[in-house]
Amino acid sequence: MVLFRSLFILTITGFSFAAYSLIRPLFGTFGFEFNTFIKSAGAVLVLGIFVVWLMPMVDLHIGIFEHVIPGRRFKRGLCARCAHPRAPHAATGFCAECGRQHGAPEGWRLKRRTILNFVLWLTVGLFFGSAIGETRLTLDERKWIQECRILEDMSPESLGFRARRRSWPSSYSELYYRTEQGPYAEPLVTNERVRRIP
C-alpha cells in the first residue's frame, strides 16, 4: 500500500511541479508573492481534472491483491485467499486451511473510499508539487539577482539591459535587468487593451 500510494503521490507531485513551473511565469512576478502562489496553485488544481483517470491507481494494490490474484486462484481450483486446493465437494463450503467460504471474489468497483483517498492524495501531491515549483522559481530569481550584482560590481556603466531565460521547465519565459529598474520579470498575459489609432 505504501509503495503504490507513494508512486501515486510522486506522479501527481511531478505533474503539479511541471504545471506550476509553466503557469507562474505567466503572471510576471519576481520573487515570492502569496497572491501569485494562490492563483498559480489554483490553476494547477483546475488542471488536476486531467489526472482523474489516475483514480483507480489509489486502489491499485487492493485491485491486485484482493481481486485479480484471488480471482486467478479461484479459477485454478484453489482457495481465493490462501491458495489451498479446494476439495471437489467443497466448492460452496469453507476452506480447510484458512476457513474462508469458497466463492469467486467480486471485481474492483469504484467506491466512496476510493474517491476520498484520491482527493486526499491529489491535494497532497498538488501542494508539494506547487511548493517545489515555487521554490525552484524563487531560487532561480535569486540566482539572477546575484548574477546582476556581480555584473554591476564589474562594470556598472556598461550593464544597461540584460535578459536570460529562466531555468527548466520555465525556460519559455525570461528574466530581465535594467540599470534603473534592477532585476524584474514581465507578465506574458495581460488584461491591457491596445488603443485604436484614430
N, C-alpha and C. Protein backbone atom coordinates (compact mmCIF):
# COMPACT_ATOMS: atom_id res chain seq x y z
N MET A 1 0.83 -1.19 0.00
CA MET A 1 0.00 0.00 0.00
C MET A 1 0.87 1.25 0.00
N VAL A 2 1.89 1.25 0.84
CA VAL A 2 2.78 2.41 0.93
C VAL A 2 3.47 2.66 -0.41
N LEU A 3 3.93 1.58 -1.06
CA LEU A 3 4.62 1.70 -2.34
C LEU A 3 3.71 2.28 -3.40
N PHE A 4 2.50 1.74 -3.56
CA PHE A 4 1.60 2.20 -4.60
C PHE A 4 1.16 3.64 -4.35
N ARG A 5 0.86 3.97 -3.12
CA ARG A 5 0.40 5.34 -2.84
C ARG A 5 1.55 6.34 -2.94
N SER A 6 2.76 5.90 -2.61
CA SER A 6 3.92 6.77 -2.80
C SER A 6 4.15 7.06 -4.28
N LEU A 7 3.99 6.03 -5.12
CA LEU A 7 4.11 6.23 -6.57
C LEU A 7 3.04 7.18 -7.07
N PHE A 8 1.84 7.07 -6.54
CA PHE A 8 0.75 7.95 -6.94
C PHE A 8 1.07 9.40 -6.57
N ILE A 9 1.52 9.60 -5.33
CA ILE A 9 1.83 10.96 -4.88
C ILE A 9 3.00 11.54 -5.69
N LEU A 10 4.01 10.72 -5.98
CA LEU A 10 5.14 11.20 -6.79
C LEU A 10 4.69 11.58 -8.19
N THR A 11 3.77 10.81 -8.76
CA THR A 11 3.25 11.12 -10.08
C THR A 11 2.52 12.46 -10.08
N ILE A 12 1.64 12.66 -9.10
CA ILE A 12 0.89 13.91 -9.00
C ILE A 12 1.82 15.08 -8.68
N THR A 13 2.81 14.84 -7.82
CA THR A 13 3.77 15.90 -7.48
C THR A 13 4.55 16.33 -8.71
N GLY A 14 5.00 15.37 -9.51
CA GLY A 14 5.72 15.71 -10.75
C GLY A 14 4.85 16.49 -11.71
N PHE A 15 3.60 16.08 -11.87
CA PHE A 15 2.66 16.79 -12.73
C PHE A 15 2.45 18.23 -12.22
N SER A 16 2.24 18.36 -10.91
CA SER A 16 1.98 19.68 -10.33
C SER A 16 3.20 20.59 -10.43
N PHE A 17 4.39 20.02 -10.23
CA PHE A 17 5.62 20.81 -10.36
C PHE A 17 5.75 21.37 -11.77
N ALA A 18 5.55 20.51 -12.77
CA ALA A 18 5.67 20.96 -14.16
C ALA A 18 4.61 22.01 -14.49
N ALA A 19 3.36 21.76 -14.06
CA ALA A 19 2.28 22.70 -14.35
C ALA A 19 2.51 24.04 -13.66
N TYR A 20 2.91 24.01 -12.39
CA TYR A 20 3.15 25.26 -11.65
C TYR A 20 4.30 26.04 -12.28
N SER A 21 5.35 25.33 -12.67
CA SER A 21 6.53 25.98 -13.26
C SER A 21 6.19 26.63 -14.60
N LEU A 22 5.18 26.14 -15.27
CA LEU A 22 4.77 26.73 -16.54
C LEU A 22 3.75 27.86 -16.34
N ILE A 23 2.98 27.80 -15.27
CA ILE A 23 1.91 28.78 -15.05
C ILE A 23 2.42 30.04 -14.36
N ARG A 24 3.22 29.90 -13.32
CA ARG A 24 3.61 31.07 -12.52
C ARG A 24 4.31 32.18 -13.31
N PRO A 25 5.23 31.85 -14.26
CA PRO A 25 5.87 32.92 -15.02
C PRO A 25 4.90 33.74 -15.88
N LEU A 26 3.71 33.21 -16.15
CA LEU A 26 2.73 33.95 -16.95
C LEU A 26 2.32 35.25 -16.26
N PHE A 27 2.36 35.26 -14.92
CA PHE A 27 1.92 36.43 -14.16
C PHE A 27 3.00 37.52 -14.10
N GLY A 28 4.25 37.17 -14.42
CA GLY A 28 5.31 38.16 -14.47
C GLY A 28 5.79 38.68 -13.14
N THR A 29 5.52 37.97 -12.05
CA THR A 29 6.01 38.42 -10.75
C THR A 29 7.45 37.98 -10.56
N PHE A 30 8.17 38.74 -9.78
CA PHE A 30 9.57 38.44 -9.49
C PHE A 30 9.70 38.25 -8.00
N GLY A 31 10.11 37.06 -7.57
CA GLY A 31 10.17 36.75 -6.14
C GLY A 31 8.84 36.19 -5.67
N PHE A 32 8.84 35.68 -4.45
CA PHE A 32 7.63 35.05 -3.91
C PHE A 32 6.58 36.09 -3.58
N GLU A 33 5.37 35.86 -4.07
CA GLU A 33 4.20 36.66 -3.72
C GLU A 33 3.07 35.69 -3.40
N PHE A 34 2.46 35.87 -2.25
CA PHE A 34 1.44 34.93 -1.80
C PHE A 34 0.26 34.87 -2.76
N ASN A 35 -0.19 36.05 -3.25
CA ASN A 35 -1.33 36.07 -4.17
C ASN A 35 -1.04 35.31 -5.45
N THR A 36 0.18 35.48 -5.97
CA THR A 36 0.56 34.77 -7.20
C THR A 36 0.64 33.27 -6.93
N PHE A 37 1.14 32.89 -5.76
CA PHE A 37 1.20 31.47 -5.41
C PHE A 37 -0.20 30.86 -5.38
N ILE A 38 -1.16 31.57 -4.77
CA ILE A 38 -2.53 31.07 -4.68
C ILE A 38 -3.15 30.96 -6.08
N LYS A 39 -2.95 31.98 -6.91
CA LYS A 39 -3.51 31.94 -8.27
C LYS A 39 -2.90 30.80 -9.09
N SER A 40 -1.58 30.65 -8.99
CA SER A 40 -0.91 29.60 -9.76
C SER A 40 -1.30 28.21 -9.26
N ALA A 41 -1.34 28.04 -7.94
CA ALA A 41 -1.73 26.75 -7.38
C ALA A 41 -3.19 26.44 -7.71
N GLY A 42 -4.03 27.48 -7.75
CA GLY A 42 -5.43 27.29 -8.15
C GLY A 42 -5.54 26.81 -9.58
N ALA A 43 -4.71 27.39 -10.46
CA ALA A 43 -4.70 26.95 -11.86
C ALA A 43 -4.23 25.50 -11.97
N VAL A 44 -3.24 25.12 -11.16
CA VAL A 44 -2.77 23.73 -11.14
C VAL A 44 -3.89 22.81 -10.67
N LEU A 45 -4.66 23.27 -9.68
CA LEU A 45 -5.78 22.48 -9.17
C LEU A 45 -6.82 22.25 -10.26
N VAL A 46 -7.10 23.28 -11.05
CA VAL A 46 -8.04 23.14 -12.16
C VAL A 46 -7.51 22.14 -13.18
N LEU A 47 -6.20 22.20 -13.45
CA LEU A 47 -5.60 21.25 -14.38
C LEU A 47 -5.61 19.82 -13.83
N GLY A 48 -5.80 19.70 -12.51
CA GLY A 48 -5.86 18.38 -11.88
C GLY A 48 -6.99 17.52 -12.41
N ILE A 49 -7.96 18.15 -13.07
CA ILE A 49 -9.06 17.38 -13.64
C ILE A 49 -8.56 16.42 -14.71
N PHE A 50 -7.41 16.74 -15.31
CA PHE A 50 -6.87 15.88 -16.36
C PHE A 50 -6.21 14.60 -15.81
N VAL A 51 -6.06 14.51 -14.49
CA VAL A 51 -5.47 13.30 -13.90
C VAL A 51 -6.52 12.46 -13.17
N VAL A 52 -7.80 12.77 -13.41
CA VAL A 52 -8.86 11.99 -12.78
C VAL A 52 -8.77 10.52 -13.19
N TRP A 53 -8.25 10.28 -14.40
CA TRP A 53 -8.13 8.89 -14.87
C TRP A 53 -7.17 8.08 -14.01
N LEU A 54 -6.38 8.75 -13.14
CA LEU A 54 -5.48 8.02 -12.24
C LEU A 54 -6.19 7.53 -10.97
N MET A 55 -7.49 7.83 -10.84
CA MET A 55 -8.21 7.47 -9.62
C MET A 55 -8.08 5.99 -9.26
N PRO A 56 -8.20 5.05 -10.21
CA PRO A 56 -8.05 3.63 -9.83
C PRO A 56 -6.67 3.30 -9.28
N MET A 57 -5.66 4.14 -9.57
CA MET A 57 -4.31 3.87 -9.09
C MET A 57 -4.23 3.93 -7.56
N VAL A 58 -5.16 4.69 -6.95
CA VAL A 58 -5.19 4.78 -5.49
C VAL A 58 -5.44 3.41 -4.88
N ASP A 59 -6.29 2.63 -5.53
CA ASP A 59 -6.62 1.28 -5.04
C ASP A 59 -5.97 0.19 -5.87
N LEU A 60 -4.87 0.51 -6.54
CA LEU A 60 -4.23 -0.49 -7.40
C LEU A 60 -3.80 -1.72 -6.61
N HIS A 61 -3.23 -1.48 -5.42
CA HIS A 61 -2.79 -2.61 -4.59
C HIS A 61 -3.98 -3.46 -4.15
N ILE A 62 -5.12 -2.81 -3.86
CA ILE A 62 -6.32 -3.55 -3.47
C ILE A 62 -6.84 -4.36 -4.65
N GLY A 63 -6.85 -3.74 -5.82
CA GLY A 63 -7.30 -4.44 -7.01
C GLY A 63 -6.47 -5.67 -7.32
N ILE A 64 -5.15 -5.54 -7.15
CA ILE A 64 -4.27 -6.67 -7.46
C ILE A 64 -4.37 -7.77 -6.42
N PHE A 65 -4.24 -7.38 -5.14
CA PHE A 65 -4.14 -8.39 -4.09
C PHE A 65 -5.47 -8.89 -3.55
N GLU A 66 -6.55 -8.15 -3.79
CA GLU A 66 -7.84 -8.58 -3.27
C GLU A 66 -8.82 -9.01 -4.36
N HIS A 67 -8.49 -8.74 -5.63
CA HIS A 67 -9.42 -9.08 -6.71
C HIS A 67 -8.76 -9.91 -7.81
N VAL A 68 -7.65 -9.42 -8.38
CA VAL A 68 -7.02 -10.10 -9.52
C VAL A 68 -6.41 -11.43 -9.11
N ILE A 69 -5.51 -11.40 -8.12
CA ILE A 69 -4.84 -12.64 -7.70
C ILE A 69 -5.83 -13.65 -7.11
N PRO A 70 -6.74 -13.25 -6.21
CA PRO A 70 -7.73 -14.22 -5.71
C PRO A 70 -8.61 -14.79 -6.82
N GLY A 71 -8.95 -13.95 -7.81
CA GLY A 71 -9.76 -14.44 -8.92
C GLY A 71 -9.05 -15.51 -9.72
N ARG A 72 -7.76 -15.32 -9.95
CA ARG A 72 -6.97 -16.33 -10.68
C ARG A 72 -6.86 -17.62 -9.87
N ARG A 73 -6.68 -17.47 -8.57
CA ARG A 73 -6.60 -18.66 -7.71
C ARG A 73 -7.90 -19.46 -7.79
N PHE A 74 -9.01 -18.75 -7.72
CA PHE A 74 -10.31 -19.43 -7.72
C PHE A 74 -10.54 -20.17 -9.03
N LYS A 75 -10.12 -19.56 -10.15
CA LYS A 75 -10.29 -20.21 -11.46
C LYS A 75 -9.43 -21.48 -11.57
N ARG A 76 -8.31 -21.51 -10.85
CA ARG A 76 -7.42 -22.68 -10.90
C ARG A 76 -7.85 -23.76 -9.90
N GLY A 77 -8.96 -23.54 -9.21
CA GLY A 77 -9.45 -24.53 -8.25
C GLY A 77 -8.80 -24.43 -6.89
N LEU A 78 -8.31 -23.24 -6.56
CA LEU A 78 -7.68 -23.02 -5.26
C LEU A 78 -8.53 -22.08 -4.42
N CYS A 79 -8.22 -22.03 -3.14
CA CYS A 79 -8.88 -21.06 -2.27
C CYS A 79 -8.45 -19.66 -2.68
N ALA A 80 -9.40 -18.78 -2.80
CA ALA A 80 -9.09 -17.43 -3.26
C ALA A 80 -8.19 -16.68 -2.29
N ARG A 81 -8.24 -17.00 -1.00
CA ARG A 81 -7.44 -16.28 -0.01
C ARG A 81 -6.05 -16.87 0.16
N CYS A 82 -5.95 -18.20 0.39
CA CYS A 82 -4.66 -18.79 0.78
C CYS A 82 -4.07 -19.73 -0.26
N ALA A 83 -4.78 -19.96 -1.39
CA ALA A 83 -4.31 -20.81 -2.48
C ALA A 83 -4.25 -22.29 -2.11
N HIS A 84 -4.97 -22.69 -1.05
CA HIS A 84 -5.05 -24.11 -0.69
C HIS A 84 -5.99 -24.81 -1.67
N PRO A 85 -5.63 -26.01 -2.16
CA PRO A 85 -6.52 -26.71 -3.11
C PRO A 85 -7.90 -26.94 -2.51
N ARG A 86 -8.92 -26.66 -3.35
CA ARG A 86 -10.31 -26.90 -2.93
C ARG A 86 -10.68 -28.34 -3.21
N ALA A 87 -11.35 -28.95 -2.26
CA ALA A 87 -11.88 -30.29 -2.50
C ALA A 87 -13.07 -30.19 -3.44
N PRO A 88 -13.25 -31.13 -4.34
CA PRO A 88 -14.35 -31.04 -5.32
C PRO A 88 -15.72 -30.88 -4.67
N HIS A 89 -15.94 -31.56 -3.54
CA HIS A 89 -17.25 -31.48 -2.90
C HIS A 89 -17.39 -30.22 -2.03
N ALA A 90 -16.30 -29.45 -1.90
CA ALA A 90 -16.34 -28.26 -1.03
C ALA A 90 -16.39 -26.98 -1.84
N ALA A 91 -16.95 -27.07 -3.04
CA ALA A 91 -16.97 -25.89 -3.92
C ALA A 91 -17.73 -24.73 -3.30
N THR A 92 -18.77 -25.02 -2.54
CA THR A 92 -19.54 -23.94 -1.92
C THR A 92 -19.35 -23.93 -0.41
N GLY A 93 -18.42 -24.76 0.07
CA GLY A 93 -18.19 -24.84 1.51
C GLY A 93 -17.11 -23.88 1.97
N PHE A 94 -16.32 -24.32 2.96
CA PHE A 94 -15.29 -23.48 3.54
C PHE A 94 -13.92 -24.12 3.30
N CYS A 95 -12.90 -23.27 3.24
CA CYS A 95 -11.54 -23.75 3.03
C CYS A 95 -11.06 -24.46 4.30
N ALA A 96 -10.45 -25.64 4.11
CA ALA A 96 -9.94 -26.40 5.25
C ALA A 96 -8.71 -25.74 5.86
N GLU A 97 -8.05 -24.84 5.13
CA GLU A 97 -6.81 -24.22 5.60
C GLU A 97 -7.06 -22.91 6.34
N CYS A 98 -7.81 -22.01 5.70
CA CYS A 98 -7.99 -20.68 6.30
C CYS A 98 -9.41 -20.43 6.80
N GLY A 99 -10.34 -21.29 6.44
CA GLY A 99 -11.71 -21.15 6.94
C GLY A 99 -12.58 -20.20 6.15
N ARG A 100 -12.05 -19.65 5.06
CA ARG A 100 -12.85 -18.73 4.25
C ARG A 100 -13.85 -19.52 3.40
N GLN A 101 -15.04 -18.94 3.24
CA GLN A 101 -16.05 -19.59 2.41
C GLN A 101 -15.62 -19.50 0.95
N HIS A 102 -15.72 -20.62 0.24
CA HIS A 102 -15.33 -20.64 -1.16
C HIS A 102 -16.32 -19.83 -2.00
N GLY A 103 -15.77 -19.07 -2.90
CA GLY A 103 -16.59 -18.26 -3.80
C GLY A 103 -15.69 -17.34 -4.60
N ALA A 104 -16.13 -17.04 -5.81
CA ALA A 104 -15.34 -16.15 -6.66
C ALA A 104 -15.35 -14.74 -6.09
N PRO A 105 -14.18 -14.10 -5.98
CA PRO A 105 -14.15 -12.74 -5.44
C PRO A 105 -14.81 -11.76 -6.42
N GLU A 106 -15.40 -10.72 -5.86
CA GLU A 106 -16.03 -9.69 -6.69
C GLU A 106 -14.95 -8.87 -7.39
N GLY A 107 -15.31 -8.29 -8.50
CA GLY A 107 -14.39 -7.40 -9.21
C GLY A 107 -14.26 -6.06 -8.50
N TRP A 108 -13.22 -5.30 -8.87
CA TRP A 108 -13.00 -3.99 -8.25
C TRP A 108 -14.09 -3.03 -8.68
N ARG A 109 -14.57 -2.24 -7.74
CA ARG A 109 -15.58 -1.22 -8.04
C ARG A 109 -15.15 0.10 -7.44
N LEU A 110 -15.53 1.16 -8.11
CA LEU A 110 -15.24 2.49 -7.59
C LEU A 110 -16.14 2.76 -6.40
N LYS A 111 -15.52 3.00 -5.24
CA LYS A 111 -16.28 3.23 -4.03
C LYS A 111 -16.00 4.62 -3.48
N ARG A 112 -16.80 5.00 -2.52
CA ARG A 112 -16.64 6.34 -1.91
C ARG A 112 -15.26 6.49 -1.27
N ARG A 113 -14.79 5.41 -0.65
CA ARG A 113 -13.47 5.44 -0.01
C ARG A 113 -12.36 5.74 -1.02
N THR A 114 -12.50 5.15 -2.23
CA THR A 114 -11.51 5.39 -3.29
C THR A 114 -11.50 6.85 -3.69
N ILE A 115 -12.69 7.44 -3.85
CA ILE A 115 -12.79 8.85 -4.25
C ILE A 115 -12.20 9.76 -3.19
N LEU A 116 -12.51 9.49 -1.92
CA LEU A 116 -11.99 10.32 -0.82
C LEU A 116 -10.47 10.20 -0.73
N ASN A 117 -9.94 8.98 -0.87
CA ASN A 117 -8.49 8.79 -0.87
C ASN A 117 -7.83 9.51 -2.04
N PHE A 118 -8.47 9.44 -3.20
CA PHE A 118 -7.95 10.11 -4.39
C PHE A 118 -7.87 11.62 -4.16
N VAL A 119 -8.93 12.20 -3.62
CA VAL A 119 -8.95 13.65 -3.37
C VAL A 119 -7.87 14.02 -2.35
N LEU A 120 -7.71 13.20 -1.31
CA LEU A 120 -6.70 13.46 -0.28
C LEU A 120 -5.29 13.43 -0.87
N TRP A 121 -4.94 12.32 -1.58
CA TRP A 121 -3.60 12.20 -2.12
C TRP A 121 -3.36 13.17 -3.26
N LEU A 122 -4.41 13.51 -4.01
CA LEU A 122 -4.28 14.52 -5.07
C LEU A 122 -3.94 15.87 -4.46
N THR A 123 -4.61 16.22 -3.36
CA THR A 123 -4.35 17.50 -2.68
C THR A 123 -2.91 17.55 -2.17
N VAL A 124 -2.46 16.45 -1.56
CA VAL A 124 -1.09 16.39 -1.05
C VAL A 124 -0.10 16.57 -2.20
N GLY A 125 -0.29 15.84 -3.31
CA GLY A 125 0.60 15.93 -4.46
C GLY A 125 0.60 17.32 -5.08
N LEU A 126 -0.60 17.93 -5.20
CA LEU A 126 -0.70 19.27 -5.78
C LEU A 126 0.02 20.30 -4.91
N PHE A 127 -0.12 20.16 -3.59
CA PHE A 127 0.54 21.12 -2.69
C PHE A 127 2.06 21.00 -2.78
N PHE A 128 2.58 19.77 -2.69
CA PHE A 128 4.03 19.58 -2.73
C PHE A 128 4.60 19.97 -4.09
N GLY A 129 3.91 19.61 -5.16
CA GLY A 129 4.39 19.98 -6.50
C GLY A 129 4.44 21.48 -6.69
N SER A 130 3.39 22.18 -6.23
CA SER A 130 3.36 23.63 -6.34
C SER A 130 4.45 24.27 -5.47
N ALA A 131 4.64 23.73 -4.27
CA ALA A 131 5.67 24.28 -3.37
C ALA A 131 7.07 24.09 -3.96
N ILE A 132 7.31 22.92 -4.55
CA ILE A 132 8.62 22.67 -5.16
C ILE A 132 8.82 23.58 -6.37
N GLY A 133 7.76 23.76 -7.17
CA GLY A 133 7.84 24.65 -8.32
C GLY A 133 8.13 26.08 -7.91
N GLU A 134 7.45 26.56 -6.86
CA GLU A 134 7.69 27.93 -6.38
C GLU A 134 9.11 28.07 -5.84
N THR A 135 9.58 27.07 -5.11
CA THR A 135 10.94 27.11 -4.57
C THR A 135 11.97 27.19 -5.69
N ARG A 136 11.78 26.38 -6.72
CA ARG A 136 12.72 26.39 -7.85
C ARG A 136 12.72 27.73 -8.56
N LEU A 137 11.55 28.30 -8.79
CA LEU A 137 11.46 29.60 -9.47
C LEU A 137 12.09 30.71 -8.62
N THR A 138 11.81 30.68 -7.33
CA THR A 138 12.36 31.71 -6.44
C THR A 138 13.89 31.61 -6.36
N LEU A 139 14.42 30.40 -6.27
CA LEU A 139 15.88 30.23 -6.24
C LEU A 139 16.52 30.69 -7.54
N ASP A 140 15.86 30.43 -8.66
CA ASP A 140 16.37 30.88 -9.96
C ASP A 140 16.40 32.41 -10.03
N GLU A 141 15.37 33.04 -9.47
CA GLU A 141 15.33 34.52 -9.45
C GLU A 141 16.40 35.09 -8.52
N ARG A 142 16.65 34.44 -7.40
CA ARG A 142 17.73 34.90 -6.51
C ARG A 142 19.09 34.75 -7.19
N LYS A 143 19.25 33.68 -7.96
CA LYS A 143 20.49 33.49 -8.71
C LYS A 143 20.67 34.59 -9.74
N TRP A 144 19.58 35.01 -10.38
CA TRP A 144 19.63 36.12 -11.36
C TRP A 144 20.04 37.43 -10.67
N ILE A 145 19.52 37.65 -9.46
CA ILE A 145 19.91 38.85 -8.70
C ILE A 145 21.41 38.83 -8.42
N GLN A 146 21.93 37.69 -8.01
CA GLN A 146 23.37 37.58 -7.73
C GLN A 146 24.20 37.80 -9.00
N GLU A 147 23.74 37.25 -10.13
CA GLU A 147 24.46 37.43 -11.39
C GLU A 147 24.50 38.91 -11.77
N CYS A 148 23.37 39.59 -11.59
CA CYS A 148 23.31 41.01 -11.92
C CYS A 148 24.19 41.84 -10.99
N ARG A 149 24.25 41.48 -9.71
CA ARG A 149 25.11 42.21 -8.76
C ARG A 149 26.58 42.06 -9.13
N ILE A 150 26.95 40.84 -9.55
CA ILE A 150 28.34 40.62 -9.98
C ILE A 150 28.67 41.49 -11.18
N LEU A 151 27.74 41.56 -12.14
CA LEU A 151 27.95 42.39 -13.33
C LEU A 151 27.97 43.87 -12.96
N GLU A 152 27.15 44.27 -12.00
CA GLU A 152 27.15 45.67 -11.54
C GLU A 152 28.49 46.03 -10.93
N ASP A 153 29.04 45.11 -10.14
CA ASP A 153 30.33 45.37 -9.49
C ASP A 153 31.46 45.45 -10.51
N MET A 154 31.33 44.65 -11.58
CA MET A 154 32.39 44.62 -12.59
C MET A 154 32.38 45.87 -13.47
N SER A 155 31.20 46.20 -14.01
CA SER A 155 31.11 47.37 -14.91
C SER A 155 29.71 47.96 -14.82
N PRO A 156 29.45 48.79 -13.83
CA PRO A 156 28.10 49.35 -13.65
C PRO A 156 27.66 50.24 -14.81
N GLU A 157 28.58 50.89 -15.50
CA GLU A 157 28.19 51.81 -16.57
C GLU A 157 27.71 51.07 -17.81
N SER A 158 28.31 49.93 -18.12
CA SER A 158 28.02 49.25 -19.37
C SER A 158 26.94 48.18 -19.25
N LEU A 159 26.34 48.04 -18.07
CA LEU A 159 25.39 46.95 -17.87
C LEU A 159 24.12 47.19 -18.68
N GLY A 160 23.49 48.33 -18.51
CA GLY A 160 22.31 48.69 -19.30
C GLY A 160 21.16 47.71 -19.15
N PHE A 161 20.91 46.95 -20.21
CA PHE A 161 19.81 45.99 -20.23
C PHE A 161 20.35 44.59 -20.50
N ARG A 162 19.87 43.62 -19.72
CA ARG A 162 20.25 42.22 -19.94
C ARG A 162 19.02 41.35 -19.72
N ALA A 163 19.08 40.16 -20.31
CA ALA A 163 17.99 39.20 -20.14
C ALA A 163 18.55 37.79 -20.25
N ARG A 164 17.90 36.86 -19.60
CA ARG A 164 18.23 35.43 -19.75
C ARG A 164 16.98 34.61 -19.49
N ARG A 165 16.98 33.40 -20.05
CA ARG A 165 15.83 32.51 -19.86
C ARG A 165 15.82 31.94 -18.45
N ARG A 166 14.64 31.68 -17.95
CA ARG A 166 14.50 31.00 -16.67
C ARG A 166 15.01 29.57 -16.81
N SER A 167 15.23 28.92 -15.67
CA SER A 167 15.68 27.52 -15.71
C SER A 167 14.51 26.61 -16.10
N TRP A 168 14.86 25.41 -16.59
CA TRP A 168 13.84 24.44 -17.00
C TRP A 168 12.97 24.06 -15.81
N PRO A 169 11.69 23.86 -15.95
CA PRO A 169 10.90 23.81 -17.18
C PRO A 169 10.22 25.12 -17.54
N SER A 170 10.70 26.22 -16.97
CA SER A 170 10.10 27.53 -17.24
C SER A 170 10.90 28.31 -18.28
N SER A 171 11.69 27.61 -19.07
CA SER A 171 12.63 28.29 -19.97
C SER A 171 11.97 28.98 -21.15
N TYR A 172 10.65 28.92 -21.26
CA TYR A 172 9.97 29.67 -22.32
C TYR A 172 9.86 31.16 -21.96
N SER A 173 10.06 31.49 -20.67
CA SER A 173 9.97 32.89 -20.22
C SER A 173 11.36 33.39 -19.84
N GLU A 174 11.47 34.71 -19.66
CA GLU A 174 12.77 35.33 -19.41
C GLU A 174 12.76 36.19 -18.16
N LEU A 175 13.96 36.40 -17.63
CA LEU A 175 14.21 37.34 -16.55
C LEU A 175 14.98 38.52 -17.14
N TYR A 176 14.70 39.72 -16.62
CA TYR A 176 15.29 40.92 -17.21
C TYR A 176 16.02 41.75 -16.15
N TYR A 177 16.86 42.64 -16.67
CA TYR A 177 17.57 43.60 -15.79
C TYR A 177 17.74 44.91 -16.53
N ARG A 178 17.40 45.99 -15.86
CA ARG A 178 17.71 47.34 -16.35
C ARG A 178 18.43 48.07 -15.23
N THR A 179 19.38 48.89 -15.62
CA THR A 179 20.19 49.59 -14.62
C THR A 179 19.32 50.39 -13.67
N GLU A 180 18.32 51.10 -14.21
CA GLU A 180 17.49 51.97 -13.37
C GLU A 180 16.39 51.19 -12.64
N GLN A 181 16.10 49.96 -13.06
CA GLN A 181 15.00 49.19 -12.50
C GLN A 181 15.45 47.99 -11.68
N GLY A 182 16.60 47.45 -12.00
CA GLY A 182 17.08 46.26 -11.33
C GLY A 182 16.49 45.00 -11.95
N PRO A 183 16.64 43.84 -11.30
CA PRO A 183 16.09 42.59 -11.83
C PRO A 183 14.56 42.59 -11.78
N TYR A 184 13.93 42.08 -12.82
CA TYR A 184 12.47 42.02 -12.85
C TYR A 184 12.03 40.98 -13.87
N ALA A 185 10.73 40.72 -13.90
CA ALA A 185 10.11 39.82 -14.88
C ALA A 185 8.90 40.54 -15.45
N GLU A 186 8.47 40.11 -16.61
CA GLU A 186 7.30 40.73 -17.26
C GLU A 186 6.22 39.67 -17.46
N PRO A 187 4.97 40.08 -17.28
CA PRO A 187 3.88 39.11 -17.50
C PRO A 187 3.75 38.75 -18.97
N LEU A 188 3.44 37.50 -19.22
CA LEU A 188 3.20 37.06 -20.59
C LEU A 188 1.73 37.15 -20.95
N VAL A 189 0.89 37.33 -19.93
CA VAL A 189 -0.54 37.51 -20.16
C VAL A 189 -0.97 38.79 -19.47
N THR A 190 -1.58 39.70 -20.20
CA THR A 190 -2.03 40.97 -19.62
C THR A 190 -3.49 41.20 -19.97
N ASN A 191 -4.11 42.08 -19.18
CA ASN A 191 -5.50 42.46 -19.44
C ASN A 191 -5.59 43.84 -20.11
N GLU A 192 -4.45 44.40 -20.43
CA GLU A 192 -4.46 45.74 -21.01
C GLU A 192 -4.97 45.70 -22.45
N ARG A 193 -5.83 46.64 -22.78
CA ARG A 193 -6.33 46.73 -24.14
C ARG A 193 -5.44 47.64 -24.98
N VAL A 194 -5.26 47.26 -26.19
CA VAL A 194 -4.48 48.09 -27.10
C VAL A 194 -5.40 49.16 -27.66
N ARG A 195 -5.00 50.43 -27.52
CA ARG A 195 -5.83 51.53 -28.00
C ARG A 195 -5.81 51.60 -29.53
N ARG A 196 -6.97 51.91 -30.06
CA ARG A 196 -7.05 52.05 -31.51
C ARG A 196 -6.45 53.38 -31.93
N ILE A 197 -5.78 53.34 -33.06
CA ILE A 197 -5.21 54.58 -33.61
C ILE A 197 -6.30 55.27 -34.42
N PRO A 198 -6.65 56.54 -34.06
CA PRO A 198 -7.74 57.23 -34.77
C PRO A 198 -7.36 57.59 -36.20
